[in-house]
Amino acid sequence: MKNKKIMGFSILLLSILFVVAGCGNKQETAKTDKLQVVTTFYPMYDFTKNVVGDNGEVSVLMKAGTEPHDYEPSAKDIAKIADSDVFVYNSEEMETWVGSVLKNIDTKKTVVIDASKEIKLLEGSHEEEDEDHDHDHEGHSHAHDPHVWLDPVLAKEEVNAIKEGLIQADKTNKASYEKNAKTYSDKLDALNEKFEVGLKDAKNRTFVTQHAAFAYLAARYDLKQVAISGISPDQEPSPAKLAELNDFVKENNIKVIYFEETASPKIAKTLAKETGATLAVLSPIEGITKEDQDQGIDYIKVMENNLKALQETIK
């Protein structure tokens, strides 16, 4: 994670520049009566798109392959937010730059939706600062863990927050937003049921993952996450931590170690090689390519794939 002071200074400079970029953007963009909605990264985009339906145009700032923990908005991105009718983000624990950007946004013109505002976030931890840790406390220097969308029940709460914000921005289509949100929430209920049924009878409930992104999912379904890195996937474990994980995997007969598509699997591969475990993808769903989306891959489909992957260990 980049130094927050440096990030804040960078965003301040960009905020000065975005006015010029925004003016040019407004001149180039064709006028439309549809609601213009800007979202930060894929889960926020997918949730919002399902609620907006045909009533607006939804875009996403972070493209697939972008690491959300390290992302900083460009002047063009800030201008895009300023020009939008609605701006949706997960939390300032994830999008740490949002607070600085919003100081320069006219919130009377742009409705700002903090999708996790009503959700009590789990505390982060400082595991890499203290190697004498318990495996129940993965994390890094985040004050709180932002990965709420990986719990289908909390994802439903985010969808509700998005719905309420959209209604605030566009009361004319209130009935449509409520109907769309209900339809999508029913799909999330079905997803939650699949996880409950698929994991309920397992005797082993511990899984080892590269990225400590699954604490909310683990809490929901009575699982135990043991993570190689912290809440931010670019952190590498100390030699002592890696040795401890090596022993843990062997002693607990862990057969699968999970990694994600967008971060380097180097450490996970090393641990798997040393312990004889195999590797499998467990996605934090922080970005899905346009090509995958065109083939029907979305939040729910990836979560279903995550369930299948977990069942290789949780059984």
C-alpha atoms as a PDB file:
ATOM      1  CA  MET A   1       0.000   0.000   0.000  1.00  0.00           C
ATOM      2  CA  LYS A   2       1.428   3.358  -0.972  1.00  0.00           C
ATOM      3  CA  ASN A   3       2.215   5.941   1.644  1.00  0.00           C
ATOM      4  CA  LYS A   4      -1.025   7.805   2.360  1.00  0.00           C
ATOM      5  CA  LYS A   5       0.676  11.194   2.580  1.00  0.00           C
ATOM      6  CA  ILE A   6       2.172  10.736  -0.868  1.00  0.00           C
ATOM      7  CA  MET A   7      -1.173   9.533  -2.180  1.00  0.00           C
ATOM      8  CA  GLY A   8      -2.982  12.508  -0.661  1.00  0.00           C
ATOM      9  CA  PHE A   9      -0.508  14.932  -2.236  1.00  0.00           C
ATOM     10  CA  SER A  10      -0.878  13.223  -5.619  1.00  0.00           C
ATOM     11  CA  ILE A  11      -4.643  13.459  -5.452  1.00  0.00           C
ATOM     12  CA  LEU A  12      -4.442  17.127  -4.464  1.00  0.00           C
ATOM     13  CA  LEU A  13      -2.417  17.846  -7.604  1.00  0.00           C
ATOM     14  CA  LEU A  14      -4.835  15.821  -9.703  1.00  0.00           C
ATOM     15  CA  SER A  15      -7.769  17.685  -8.189  1.00  0.00           C
ATOM     16  CA  ILE A  16      -6.285  20.941  -9.427  1.00  0.00           C
ATOM     17  CA  LEU A  17      -5.898  19.456 -12.889  1.00  0.00           C
ATOM     18  CA  PHE A  18      -9.271  17.743 -13.177  1.00  0.00           C
ATOM     19  CA  VAL A  19     -11.216  20.975 -13.633  1.00  0.00           C
ATOM     20  CA  VAL A  20      -9.490  21.529 -16.963  1.00  0.00           C
ATOM     21  CA  ALA A  21      -9.915  17.892 -17.946  1.00  0.00           C
ATOM     22  CA  GLY A  22     -13.541  17.996 -16.866  1.00  0.00           C
ATOM     23  CA  CYS A  23     -14.330  21.026 -18.995  1.00  0.00           C
ATOM     24  CA  GLY A  24     -12.896  19.320 -22.044  1.00  0.00           C
ATOM     25  CA  ASN A  25     -14.740  16.141 -21.233  1.00  0.00           C
ATOM     26  CA  LYS A  26     -18.085  17.905 -20.984  1.00  0.00           C
ATOM     27  CA  GLN A  27     -17.597  19.458 -24.408  1.00  0.00           C
ATOM     28  CA  GLU A  28     -16.755  16.101 -25.972  1.00  0.00           C
ATOM     29  CA  THR A  29     -19.443  13.976 -24.312  1.00  0.00           C
ATOM     30  CA  ALA A  30     -22.793  13.728 -26.036  1.00  0.00           C
ATOM     31  CA  LYS A  31     -25.706  14.754 -23.863  1.00  0.00           C
ATOM     32  CA  THR A  32     -27.995  11.976 -22.674  1.00  0.00           C
ATOM     33  CA  ASP A  33     -31.087  11.907 -20.505  1.00  0.00           C
ATOM     34  CA  LYS A  34     -30.002   8.675 -18.872  1.00  0.00           C
ATOM     35  CA  LEU A  35     -28.481   8.664 -15.416  1.00  0.00           C
ATOM     36  CA  GLN A  36     -24.672   8.695 -15.552  1.00  0.00           C
ATOM     37  CA  VAL A  37     -23.234   6.429 -12.866  1.00  0.00           C
ATOM     38  CA  VAL A  38     -19.523   5.966 -12.108  1.00  0.00           C
ATOM     39  CA  THR A  39     -18.359   3.037  -9.969  1.00  0.00           C
ATOM     40  CA  THR A  40     -14.904   2.263  -8.636  1.00  0.00           C
ATOM     41  CA  PHE A  41     -14.202  -1.437  -9.258  1.00  0.00           C
ATOM     42  CA  TYR A  42     -15.977  -4.533 -10.552  1.00  0.00           C
ATOM     43  CA  PRO A  43     -18.268  -5.649  -7.678  1.00  0.00           C
ATOM     44  CA  MET A  44     -19.584  -2.091  -7.319  1.00  0.00           C
ATOM     45  CA  TYR A  45     -20.072  -1.976 -11.087  1.00  0.00           C
ATOM     46  CA  ASP A  46     -21.940  -5.298 -11.246  1.00  0.00           C
ATOM     47  CA  PHE A  47     -24.177  -4.548  -8.254  1.00  0.00           C
ATOM     48  CA  THR A  48     -24.991  -1.088  -9.595  1.00  0.00           C
ATOM     49  CA  LYS A  49     -25.587  -2.258 -13.164  1.00  0.00           C
ATOM     50  CA  ASN A  50     -28.113  -4.806 -11.949  1.00  0.00           C
ATOM     51  CA  VAL A  51     -30.039  -2.155 -10.011  1.00  0.00           C
ATOM     52  CA  VAL A  52     -29.815   0.585 -12.661  1.00  0.00           C
ATOM     53  CA  GLY A  53     -31.061  -1.640 -15.468  1.00  0.00           C
ATOM     54  CA  ASP A  54     -32.085   0.402 -18.524  1.00  0.00           C
ATOM     55  CA  ASN A  55     -32.413   3.646 -16.571  1.00  0.00           C
ATOM     56  CA  GLY A  56     -28.795   4.728 -16.805  1.00  0.00           C
ATOM     57  CA  GLU A  57     -25.286   4.164 -18.067  1.00  0.00           C
ATOM     58  CA  VAL A  58     -22.860   2.584 -15.609  1.00  0.00           C
ATOM     59  CA  SER A  59     -19.083   2.771 -15.988  1.00  0.00           C
ATOM     60  CA  VAL A  60     -16.158   1.509 -13.903  1.00  0.00           C
ATOM     61  CA  LEU A  61     -12.915   3.348 -13.140  1.00  0.00           C
ATOM     62  CA  MET A  62     -10.631   0.370 -12.479  1.00  0.00           C
ATOM     63  CA  LYS A  63     -10.213  -1.984 -15.390  1.00  0.00           C
ATOM     64  CA  ALA A  64      -9.586  -5.720 -15.014  1.00  0.00           C
ATOM     65  CA  GLY A  65      -6.027  -6.403 -13.907  1.00  0.00           C
ATOM     66  CA  THR A  66      -5.847  -3.240 -11.799  1.00  0.00           C
ATOM     67  CA  GLU A  67      -5.013  -3.871  -8.149  1.00  0.00           C
ATOM     68  CA  PRO A  68      -7.681  -1.826  -6.262  1.00  0.00           C
ATOM     69  CA  HIS A  69      -5.529  -1.541  -3.146  1.00  0.00           C
ATOM     70  CA  ASP A  70      -2.874   0.376  -5.103  1.00  0.00           C
ATOM     71  CA  TYR A  71      -5.038   2.329  -7.535  1.00  0.00           C
ATOM     72  CA  GLU A  72      -4.853   6.122  -7.680  1.00  0.00           C
ATOM     73  CA  PRO A  73      -7.309   8.104  -9.847  1.00  0.00           C
ATOM     74  CA  SER A  74      -6.026  10.107 -12.789  1.00  0.00           C
ATOM     75  CA  ALA A  75      -7.163  13.663 -13.527  1.00  0.00           C
ATOM     76  CA  LYS A  76      -9.483  12.165 -16.143  1.00  0.00           C
ATOM     77  CA  ASP A  77     -10.961   9.770 -13.556  1.00  0.00           C
ATOM     78  CA  ILE A  78     -11.612  12.615 -11.119  1.00  0.00           C
ATOM     79  CA  ALA A  79     -13.258  14.643 -13.890  1.00  0.00           C
ATOM     80  CA  LYS A  80     -15.441  11.642 -14.722  1.00  0.00           C
ATOM     81  CA  ILE A  81     -16.597  11.406 -11.109  1.00  0.00           C
ATOM     82  CA  ALA A  82     -17.316  15.139 -11.009  1.00  0.00           C
ATOM     83  CA  ASP A  83     -19.385  14.927 -14.207  1.00  0.00           C
ATOM     84  CA  SER A  84     -21.462  11.967 -13.021  1.00  0.00           C
ATOM     85  CA  ASP A  85     -24.940  11.965 -11.512  1.00  0.00           C
ATOM     86  CA  VAL A  86     -24.036   9.164  -9.111  1.00  0.00           C
ATOM     87  CA  PHE A  87     -20.702   7.900  -7.774  1.00  0.00           C
ATOM     88  CA  VAL A  88     -20.572   4.469  -6.099  1.00  0.00           C
ATOM     89  CA  TYR A  89     -17.668   3.117  -4.040  1.00  0.00           C
ATOM     90  CA  ASN A  90     -17.199   0.292  -1.554  1.00  0.00           C
ATOM     91  CA  SER A  91     -15.531   2.079   1.374  1.00  0.00           C
ATOM     92  CA  GLU A  92     -12.711   4.442   2.207  1.00  0.00           C
ATOM     93  CA  GLU A  93     -10.929   1.424   3.668  1.00  0.00           C
ATOM     94  CA  MET A  94     -10.702   0.022   0.130  1.00  0.00           C
ATOM     95  CA  GLU A  95     -10.714   3.172  -1.996  1.00  0.00           C
ATOM     96  CA  THR A  96      -8.471   5.166   0.345  1.00  0.00           C
ATOM     97  CA  TRP A  97      -8.315   8.099  -2.101  1.00  0.00           C
ATOM     98  CA  VAL A  98     -12.052   8.799  -2.054  1.00  0.00           C
ATOM     99  CA  GLY A  99     -12.009  11.236   0.874  1.00  0.00           C
ATOM    100  CA  SER A 100      -9.528  13.529  -0.864  1.00  0.00           C
ATOM    101  CA  VAL A 101     -11.404  13.425  -4.169  1.00  0.00           C
ATOM    102  CA  LEU A 102     -14.802  14.133  -2.628  1.00  0.00           C
ATOM    103  CA  LYS A 103     -13.519  17.414  -1.180  1.00  0.00           C
ATOM    104  CA  ASN A 104     -13.471  18.668  -4.764  1.00  0.00           C
ATOM    105  CA  ILE A 105     -16.784  17.183  -5.925  1.00  0.00           C
ATOM    106  CA  ASP A 106     -20.103  19.050  -5.890  1.00  0.00           C
ATOM    107  CA  THR A 107     -22.181  16.581  -3.894  1.00  0.00           C
ATOM    108  CA  LYS A 108     -25.314  18.600  -4.628  1.00  0.00           C
ATOM    109  CA  LYS A 109     -24.878  17.570  -8.258  1.00  0.00           C
ATOM    110  CA  THR A 110     -23.363  14.127  -7.763  1.00  0.00           C
ATOM    111  CA  VAL A 111     -24.995  11.676  -5.343  1.00  0.00           C
ATOM    112  CA  VAL A 112     -22.227   9.793  -3.534  1.00  0.00           C
ATOM    113  CA  ILE A 113     -22.947   6.227  -2.403  1.00  0.00           C
ATOM    114  CA  ASP A 114     -20.747   4.540   0.196  1.00  0.00           C
ATOM    115  CA  ALA A 115     -22.073   1.019  -0.376  1.00  0.00           C
ATOM    116  CA  SER A 116     -20.822  -0.378   2.937  1.00  0.00           C
ATOM    117  CA  LYS A 117     -21.802   2.606   5.070  1.00  0.00           C
ATOM    118  CA  GLU A 118     -24.361   0.646   7.122  1.00  0.00           C
ATOM    119  CA  ILE A 119     -22.138  -2.429   7.498  1.00  0.00           C
ATOM    120  CA  LYS A 120     -20.008  -2.942  10.592  1.00  0.00           C
ATOM    121  CA  LEU A 121     -16.555  -3.627   9.211  1.00  0.00           C
ATOM    122  CA  LEU A 122     -14.284  -6.211  10.775  1.00  0.00           C
ATOM    123  CA  GLU A 123     -11.157  -4.854  12.368  1.00  0.00           C
ATOM    124  CA  GLY A 124      -7.937  -5.112  10.413  1.00  0.00           C
ATOM    125  CA  SER A 125      -4.760  -6.290  12.105  1.00  0.00           C
ATOM    126  CA  HIS A 126      -1.010  -5.792  12.071  1.00  0.00           C
ATOM    127  CA  GLU A 127       0.140  -9.350  11.695  1.00  0.00           C
ATOM    128  CA  GLU A 128       3.297  -8.626   9.734  1.00  0.00           C
ATOM    129  CA  GLU A 129       4.403  -6.287  12.501  1.00  0.00           C
ATOM    130  CA  ASP A 130       4.082  -9.056  15.067  1.00  0.00           C
ATOM    131  CA  GLU A 131       5.181 -12.517  14.064  1.00  0.00           C
ATOM    132  CA  ASP A 132       3.961 -14.037  17.336  1.00  0.00           C
ATOM    133  CA  HIS A 133       0.412 -14.037  16.029  1.00  0.00           C
ATOM    134  CA  ASP A 134      -2.528 -16.373  16.104  1.00  0.00           C
ATOM    135  CA  HIS A 135      -3.759 -17.568  12.717  1.00  0.00           C
ATOM    136  CA  ASP A 136      -7.217 -16.137  13.404  1.00  0.00           C
ATOM    137  CA  HIS A 137      -5.901 -12.598  12.939  1.00  0.00           C
ATOM    138  CA  GLU A 138      -4.680 -12.214   9.392  1.00  0.00           C
ATOM    139  CA  GLY A 139      -4.489  -8.742   7.961  1.00  0.00           C
ATOM    140  CA  HIS A 140      -2.263  -5.717   7.636  1.00  0.00           C
ATOM    141  CA  SER A 141      -2.289  -2.085   8.645  1.00  0.00           C
ATOM    142  CA  HIS A 142      -5.836  -1.377   7.475  1.00  0.00           C
ATOM    143  CA  ALA A 143      -7.940  -0.156  10.384  1.00  0.00           C
ATOM    144  CA  HIS A 144     -10.752  -2.287   8.990  1.00  0.00           C
ATOM    145  CA  ASP A 145     -11.156  -5.038   6.415  1.00  0.00           C
ATOM    146  CA  PRO A 146     -12.988  -3.703   3.311  1.00  0.00           C
ATOM    147  CA  HIS A 147     -13.806  -7.012   1.549  1.00  0.00           C
ATOM    148  CA  VAL A 148     -17.490  -7.113   2.517  1.00  0.00           C
ATOM    149  CA  TRP A 149     -18.709  -7.975  -0.999  1.00  0.00           C
ATOM    150  CA  LEU A 150     -17.319 -11.514  -0.658  1.00  0.00           C
ATOM    151  CA  ASP A 151     -20.122 -12.326   1.780  1.00  0.00           C
ATOM    152  CA  PRO A 152     -23.356 -12.696  -0.263  1.00  0.00           C
ATOM    153  CA  VAL A 153     -25.452 -11.477   2.658  1.00  0.00           C
ATOM    154  CA  LEU A 154     -23.405  -8.293   3.012  1.00  0.00           C
ATOM    155  CA  ALA A 155     -23.370  -7.921  -0.770  1.00  0.00           C
ATOM    156  CA  LYS A 156     -27.151  -7.750  -0.511  1.00  0.00           C
ATOM    157  CA  GLU A 157     -26.814  -4.899   1.991  1.00  0.00           C
ATOM    158  CA  GLU A 158     -24.552  -3.063  -0.446  1.00  0.00           C
ATOM    159  CA  VAL A 159     -27.120  -3.544  -3.196  1.00  0.00           C
ATOM    160  CA  ASN A 160     -29.757  -1.997  -0.934  1.00  0.00           C
ATOM    161  CA  ALA A 161     -27.514   1.014  -0.228  1.00  0.00           C
ATOM    162  CA  ILE A 162     -26.948   1.450  -3.949  1.00  0.00           C
ATOM    163  CA  LYS A 163     -30.676   1.265  -4.598  1.00  0.00           C
ATOM    164  CA  GLU A 164     -31.401   3.971  -2.019  1.00  0.00           C
ATOM    165  CA  GLY A 165     -28.761   6.245  -3.498  1.00  0.00           C
ATOM    166  CA  LEU A 166     -30.086   5.784  -7.017  1.00  0.00           C
ATOM    167  CA  ILE A 167     -33.587   6.664  -5.851  1.00  0.00           C
ATOM    168  CA  GLN A 168     -32.202   9.808  -4.238  1.00  0.00           C
ATOM    169  CA  ALA A 169     -30.660  10.781  -7.566  1.00  0.00           C
ATOM    170  CA  ASP A 170     -33.579   9.724  -9.761  1.00  0.00           C
ATOM    171  CA  LYS A 171     -36.921   9.526  -7.952  1.00  0.00           C
ATOM    172  CA  THR A 172     -38.774   9.181 -11.268  1.00  0.00           C
ATOM    173  CA  ASN A 173     -37.531   5.608 -11.666  1.00  0.00           C
ATOM    174  CA  LYS A 174     -37.907   4.579  -8.027  1.00  0.00           C
ATOM    175  CA  ALA A 175     -40.220   1.661  -8.796  1.00  0.00           C
ATOM    176  CA  SER A 176     -37.791   0.304 -11.382  1.00  0.00           C
ATOM    177  CA  TYR A 177     -34.812   0.503  -9.012  1.00  0.00           C
ATOM    178  CA  GLU A 178     -36.779  -1.239  -6.276  1.00  0.00           C
ATOM    179  CA  LYS A 179     -37.876  -4.008  -8.639  1.00  0.00           C
ATOM    180  CA  ASN A 180     -34.370  -4.514 -10.034  1.00  0.00           C
ATOM    181  CA  ALA A 181     -32.825  -4.549  -6.556  1.00  0.00           C
ATOM    182  CA  LYS A 182     -35.368  -7.123  -5.396  1.00  0.00           C
ATOM    183  CA  THR A 183     -34.645  -9.353  -8.396  1.00  0.00           C
ATOM    184  CA  TYR A 184     -30.900  -9.209  -7.815  1.00  0.00           C
ATOM    185  CA  SER A 185     -31.245  -9.617  -4.043  1.00  0.00           C
ATOM    186  CA  ASP A 186     -33.189 -12.821  -4.653  1.00  0.00           C
ATOM    187  CA  LYS A 187     -30.210 -14.089  -6.694  1.00  0.00           C
ATOM    188  CA  LEU A 188     -27.892 -13.223  -3.801  1.00  0.00           C
ATOM    189  CA  ASP A 189     -30.200 -15.103  -1.413  1.00  0.00           C
ATOM    190  CA  ALA A 190     -29.940 -18.139  -3.688  1.00  0.00           C
ATOM    191  CA  LEU A 191     -26.150 -17.767  -3.766  1.00  0.00           C
ATOM    192  CA  ASN A 192     -26.029 -17.625   0.027  1.00  0.00           C
ATOM    193  CA  GLU A 193     -28.128 -20.779   0.213  1.00  0.00           C
ATOM    194  CA  LYS A 194     -25.698 -22.577  -2.127  1.00  0.00           C
ATOM    195  CA  PHE A 195     -22.808 -21.688   0.193  1.00  0.00           C
ATOM    196  CA  GLU A 196     -24.734 -22.751   3.297  1.00  0.00           C
ATOM    197  CA  VAL A 197     -25.706 -26.108   1.820  1.00  0.00           C
ATOM    198  CA  GLY A 198     -22.359 -26.696   0.133  1.00  0.00           C
ATOM    199  CA  LEU A 199     -20.244 -26.088   3.240  1.00  0.00           C
ATOM    200  CA  LYS A 200     -22.447 -27.028   6.204  1.00  0.00           C
ATOM    201  CA  ASP A 201     -21.414 -30.669   6.710  1.00  0.00           C
ATOM    202  CA  ALA A 202     -17.665 -30.256   6.199  1.00  0.00           C
ATOM    203  CA  LYS A 203     -15.395 -31.536   8.957  1.00  0.00           C
ATOM    204  CA  ASN A 204     -12.352 -29.569   7.834  1.00  0.00           C
ATOM    205  CA  ARG A 205     -13.232 -25.861   7.885  1.00  0.00           C
ATOM    206  CA  THR A 206      -9.779 -24.286   7.443  1.00  0.00           C
ATOM    207  CA  PHE A 207      -8.424 -22.943   4.164  1.00  0.00           C
ATOM    208  CA  VAL A 208      -5.089 -21.330   3.282  1.00  0.00           C
ATOM    209  CA  THR A 209      -5.172 -18.387   0.909  1.00  0.00           C
ATOM    210  CA  GLN A 210      -2.632 -15.966  -0.498  1.00  0.00           C
ATOM    211  CA  HIS A 211      -4.726 -12.857   0.165  1.00  0.00           C
ATOM    212  CA  ALA A 212      -6.564 -12.182   3.448  1.00  0.00           C
ATOM    213  CA  ALA A 213      -9.692 -11.135   1.582  1.00  0.00           C
ATOM    214  CA  PHE A 214     -12.104 -13.766   2.828  1.00  0.00           C
ATOM    215  CA  ALA A 215     -12.684 -12.961   6.496  1.00  0.00           C
ATOM    216  CA  TYR A 216     -16.326 -11.970   5.929  1.00  0.00           C
ATOM    217  CA  LEU A 217     -17.012 -15.107   3.916  1.00  0.00           C
ATOM    218  CA  ALA A 218     -15.275 -17.221   6.561  1.00  0.00           C
ATOM    219  CA  ALA A 219     -17.285 -15.599   9.355  1.00  0.00           C
ATOM    220  CA  ARG A 220     -20.559 -16.136   7.489  1.00  0.00           C
ATOM    221  CA  TYR A 221     -20.042 -19.857   6.936  1.00  0.00           C
ATOM    222  CA  ASP A 222     -18.067 -20.778  10.058  1.00  0.00           C
ATOM    223  CA  LEU A 223     -14.749 -21.226   8.270  1.00  0.00           C
ATOM    224  CA  LYS A 224     -11.198 -20.332   9.263  1.00  0.00           C
ATOM    225  CA  GLN A 225      -9.048 -18.298   6.883  1.00  0.00           C
ATOM    226  CA  VAL A 226      -5.278 -18.660   7.146  1.00  0.00           C
ATOM    227  CA  ALA A 227      -3.626 -16.084   4.881  1.00  0.00           C
ATOM    228  CA  ILE A 228      -0.110 -15.850   3.467  1.00  0.00           C
ATOM    229  CA  SER A 229      -0.217 -12.089   2.914  1.00  0.00           C
ATOM    230  CA  GLY A 230      -2.319  -9.368   4.491  1.00  0.00           C
ATOM    231  CA  ILE A 231      -5.455  -7.543   3.426  1.00  0.00           C
ATOM    232  CA  SER A 232      -3.404  -6.000   0.620  1.00  0.00           C
ATOM    233  CA  PRO A 233      -2.099  -8.809  -1.620  1.00  0.00           C
ATOM    234  CA  ASP A 234       1.210  -7.128  -2.466  1.00  0.00           C
ATOM    235  CA  GLN A 235       2.569  -7.752   1.031  1.00  0.00           C
ATOM    236  CA  GLU A 236       5.003 -10.620   1.383  1.00  0.00           C
ATOM    237  CA  PRO A 237       5.354 -12.669   4.568  1.00  0.00           C
ATOM    238  CA  SER A 238       8.548 -12.590   6.594  1.00  0.00           C
ATOM    239  CA  PRO A 239      10.749 -15.712   6.555  1.00  0.00           C
ATOM    240  CA  ALA A 240       9.500 -16.542  10.053  1.00  0.00           C
ATOM    241  CA  LYS A 241       5.863 -16.241   8.936  1.00  0.00           C
ATOM    242  CA  LEU A 242       6.513 -18.402   5.873  1.00  0.00           C
ATOM    243  CA  ALA A 243       8.203 -21.067   8.009  1.00  0.00           C
ATOM    244  CA  GLU A 244       5.238 -21.023  10.388  1.00  0.00           C
ATOM    245  CA  LEU A 245       2.803 -21.417   7.482  1.00  0.00           C
ATOM    246  CA  ASN A 246       4.900 -24.270   6.117  1.00  0.00           C
ATOM    247  CA  ASP A 247       4.576 -26.103   9.432  1.00  0.00           C
ATOM    248  CA  PHE A 248       0.863 -25.281   9.670  1.00  0.00           C
ATOM    249  CA  VAL A 249       0.101 -26.691   6.204  1.00  0.00           C
ATOM    250  CA  LYS A 250       2.009 -29.912   6.906  1.00  0.00           C
ATOM    251  CA  GLU A 251       0.642 -30.418  10.418  1.00  0.00           C
ATOM    252  CA  ASN A 252      -2.948 -29.846   9.316  1.00  0.00           C
ATOM    253  CA  ASN A 253      -2.661 -31.877   6.120  1.00  0.00           C
ATOM    254  CA  ILE A 254      -3.729 -28.921   3.944  1.00  0.00           C
ATOM    255  CA  LYS A 255      -3.983 -30.169   0.354  1.00  0.00           C
ATOM    256  CA  VAL A 256      -4.853 -26.927  -1.473  1.00  0.00           C
ATOM    257  CA  ILE A 257      -3.432 -23.404  -1.303  1.00  0.00           C
ATOM    258  CA  TYR A 258      -5.481 -20.673  -2.931  1.00  0.00           C
ATOM    259  CA  PHE A 259      -4.205 -17.723  -4.911  1.00  0.00           C
ATOM    260  CA  GLU A 260      -5.855 -14.960  -6.955  1.00  0.00           C
ATOM    261  CA  GLU A 261      -5.592 -14.103 -10.631  1.00  0.00           C
ATOM    262  CA  THR A 262      -4.511 -10.446 -10.338  1.00  0.00           C
ATOM    263  CA  ALA A 263      -1.575 -10.803  -7.900  1.00  0.00           C
ATOM    264  CA  SER A 264       1.714 -12.666  -8.222  1.00  0.00           C
ATOM    265  CA  PRO A 265       1.315 -16.264  -7.001  1.00  0.00           C
ATOM    266  CA  LYS A 266       5.061 -16.553  -6.262  1.00  0.00           C
ATOM    267  CA  ILE A 267       4.765 -17.063  -2.496  1.00  0.00           C
ATOM    268  CA  ALA A 268       1.770 -19.374  -2.815  1.00  0.00           C
ATOM    269  CA  LYS A 269       3.701 -21.461  -5.346  1.00  0.00           C
ATOM    270  CA  THR A 270       6.706 -21.616  -3.030  1.00  0.00           C
ATOM    271  CA  LEU A 271       4.569 -22.780  -0.108  1.00  0.00           C
ATOM    272  CA  ALA A 272       2.761 -25.333  -2.256  1.00  0.00           C
ATOM    273  CA  LYS A 273       6.061 -26.737  -3.579  1.00  0.00           C
ATOM    274  CA  GLU A 274       7.541 -27.043  -0.080  1.00  0.00           C
ATOM    275  CA  THR A 275       4.458 -28.715   1.384  1.00  0.00           C
ATOM    276  CA  GLY A 276       3.239 -30.812  -1.540  1.00  0.00           C
ATOM    277  CA  ALA A 277      -0.061 -28.931  -1.751  1.00  0.00           C
ATOM    278  CA  THR A 278      -1.736 -28.064  -5.039  1.00  0.00           C
ATOM    279  CA  LEU A 279      -2.781 -24.575  -6.178  1.00  0.00           C
ATOM    280  CA  ALA A 280      -6.301 -23.347  -6.960  1.00  0.00           C
ATOM    281  CA  VAL A 281      -7.848 -19.950  -7.667  1.00  0.00           C
ATOM    282  CA  LEU A 282     -10.008 -18.263  -5.026  1.00  0.00           C
ATOM    283  CA  SER A 283     -11.033 -14.953  -6.521  1.00  0.00           C
ATOM    284  CA  PRO A 284     -11.611 -11.735  -4.537  1.00  0.00           C
ATOM    285  CA  ILE A 285     -13.513 -10.550  -7.647  1.00  0.00           C
ATOM    286  CA  GLU A 286     -11.718  -7.234  -7.856  1.00  0.00           C
ATOM    287  CA  GLY A 287     -11.761  -7.192 -11.658  1.00  0.00           C
ATOM    288  CA  ILE A 288     -13.361  -9.178 -14.491  1.00  0.00           C
ATOM    289  CA  THR A 289     -12.357  -8.617 -18.109  1.00  0.00           C
ATOM    290  CA  LYS A 290     -14.796  -7.378 -20.731  1.00  0.00           C
ATOM    291  CA  GLU A 291     -14.256 -10.628 -22.637  1.00  0.00           C
ATOM    292  CA  ASP A 292     -15.272 -12.700 -19.599  1.00  0.00           C
ATOM    293  CA  GLN A 293     -18.299 -10.486 -19.007  1.00  0.00           C
ATOM    294  CA  ASP A 294     -19.368 -10.978 -22.624  1.00  0.00           C
ATOM    295  CA  GLN A 295     -19.264 -14.733 -21.959  1.00  0.00           C
ATOM    296  CA  GLY A 296     -21.609 -14.412 -18.991  1.00  0.00           C
ATOM    297  CA  ILE A 297     -19.037 -14.267 -16.206  1.00  0.00           C
ATOM    298  CA  ASP A 298     -20.225 -12.001 -13.398  1.00  0.00           C
ATOM    299  CA  TYR A 299     -20.086 -11.655  -9.609  1.00  0.00           C
ATOM    300  CA  ILE A 300     -22.485 -14.532  -8.956  1.00  0.00           C
ATOM    301  CA  LYS A 301     -20.756 -16.881 -11.402  1.00  0.00           C
ATOM    302  CA  VAL A 302     -17.329 -16.196  -9.881  1.00  0.00           C
ATOM    303  CA  MET A 303     -18.714 -16.702  -6.384  1.00  0.00           C
ATOM    304  CA  GLU A 304     -20.139 -20.054  -7.491  1.00  0.00           C
ATOM    305  CA  ASN A 305     -16.679 -20.937  -8.818  1.00  0.00           C
ATOM    306  CA  ASN A 306     -15.218 -19.873  -5.462  1.00  0.00           C
ATOM    307  CA  LEU A 307     -17.591 -22.248  -3.712  1.00  0.00           C
ATOM    308  CA  LYS A 308     -16.474 -25.131  -5.928  1.00  0.00           C
ATOM    309  CA  ALA A 309     -12.842 -24.239  -5.256  1.00  0.00           C
ATOM    310  CA  LEU A 310     -13.393 -24.100  -1.484  1.00  0.00           C
ATOM    311  CA  GLN A 311     -15.040 -27.498  -1.534  1.00  0.00           C
ATOM    312  CA  GLU A 312     -11.674 -28.976  -2.539  1.00  0.00           C
ATOM    313  CA  THR A 313     -10.572 -28.150   1.028  1.00  0.00           C
ATOM    314  CA  ILE A 314     -13.765 -27.619   3.027  1.00  0.00           C
ATOM    315  CA  LYS A 315     -15.092 -31.189   3.084  1.00  0.00           C
END
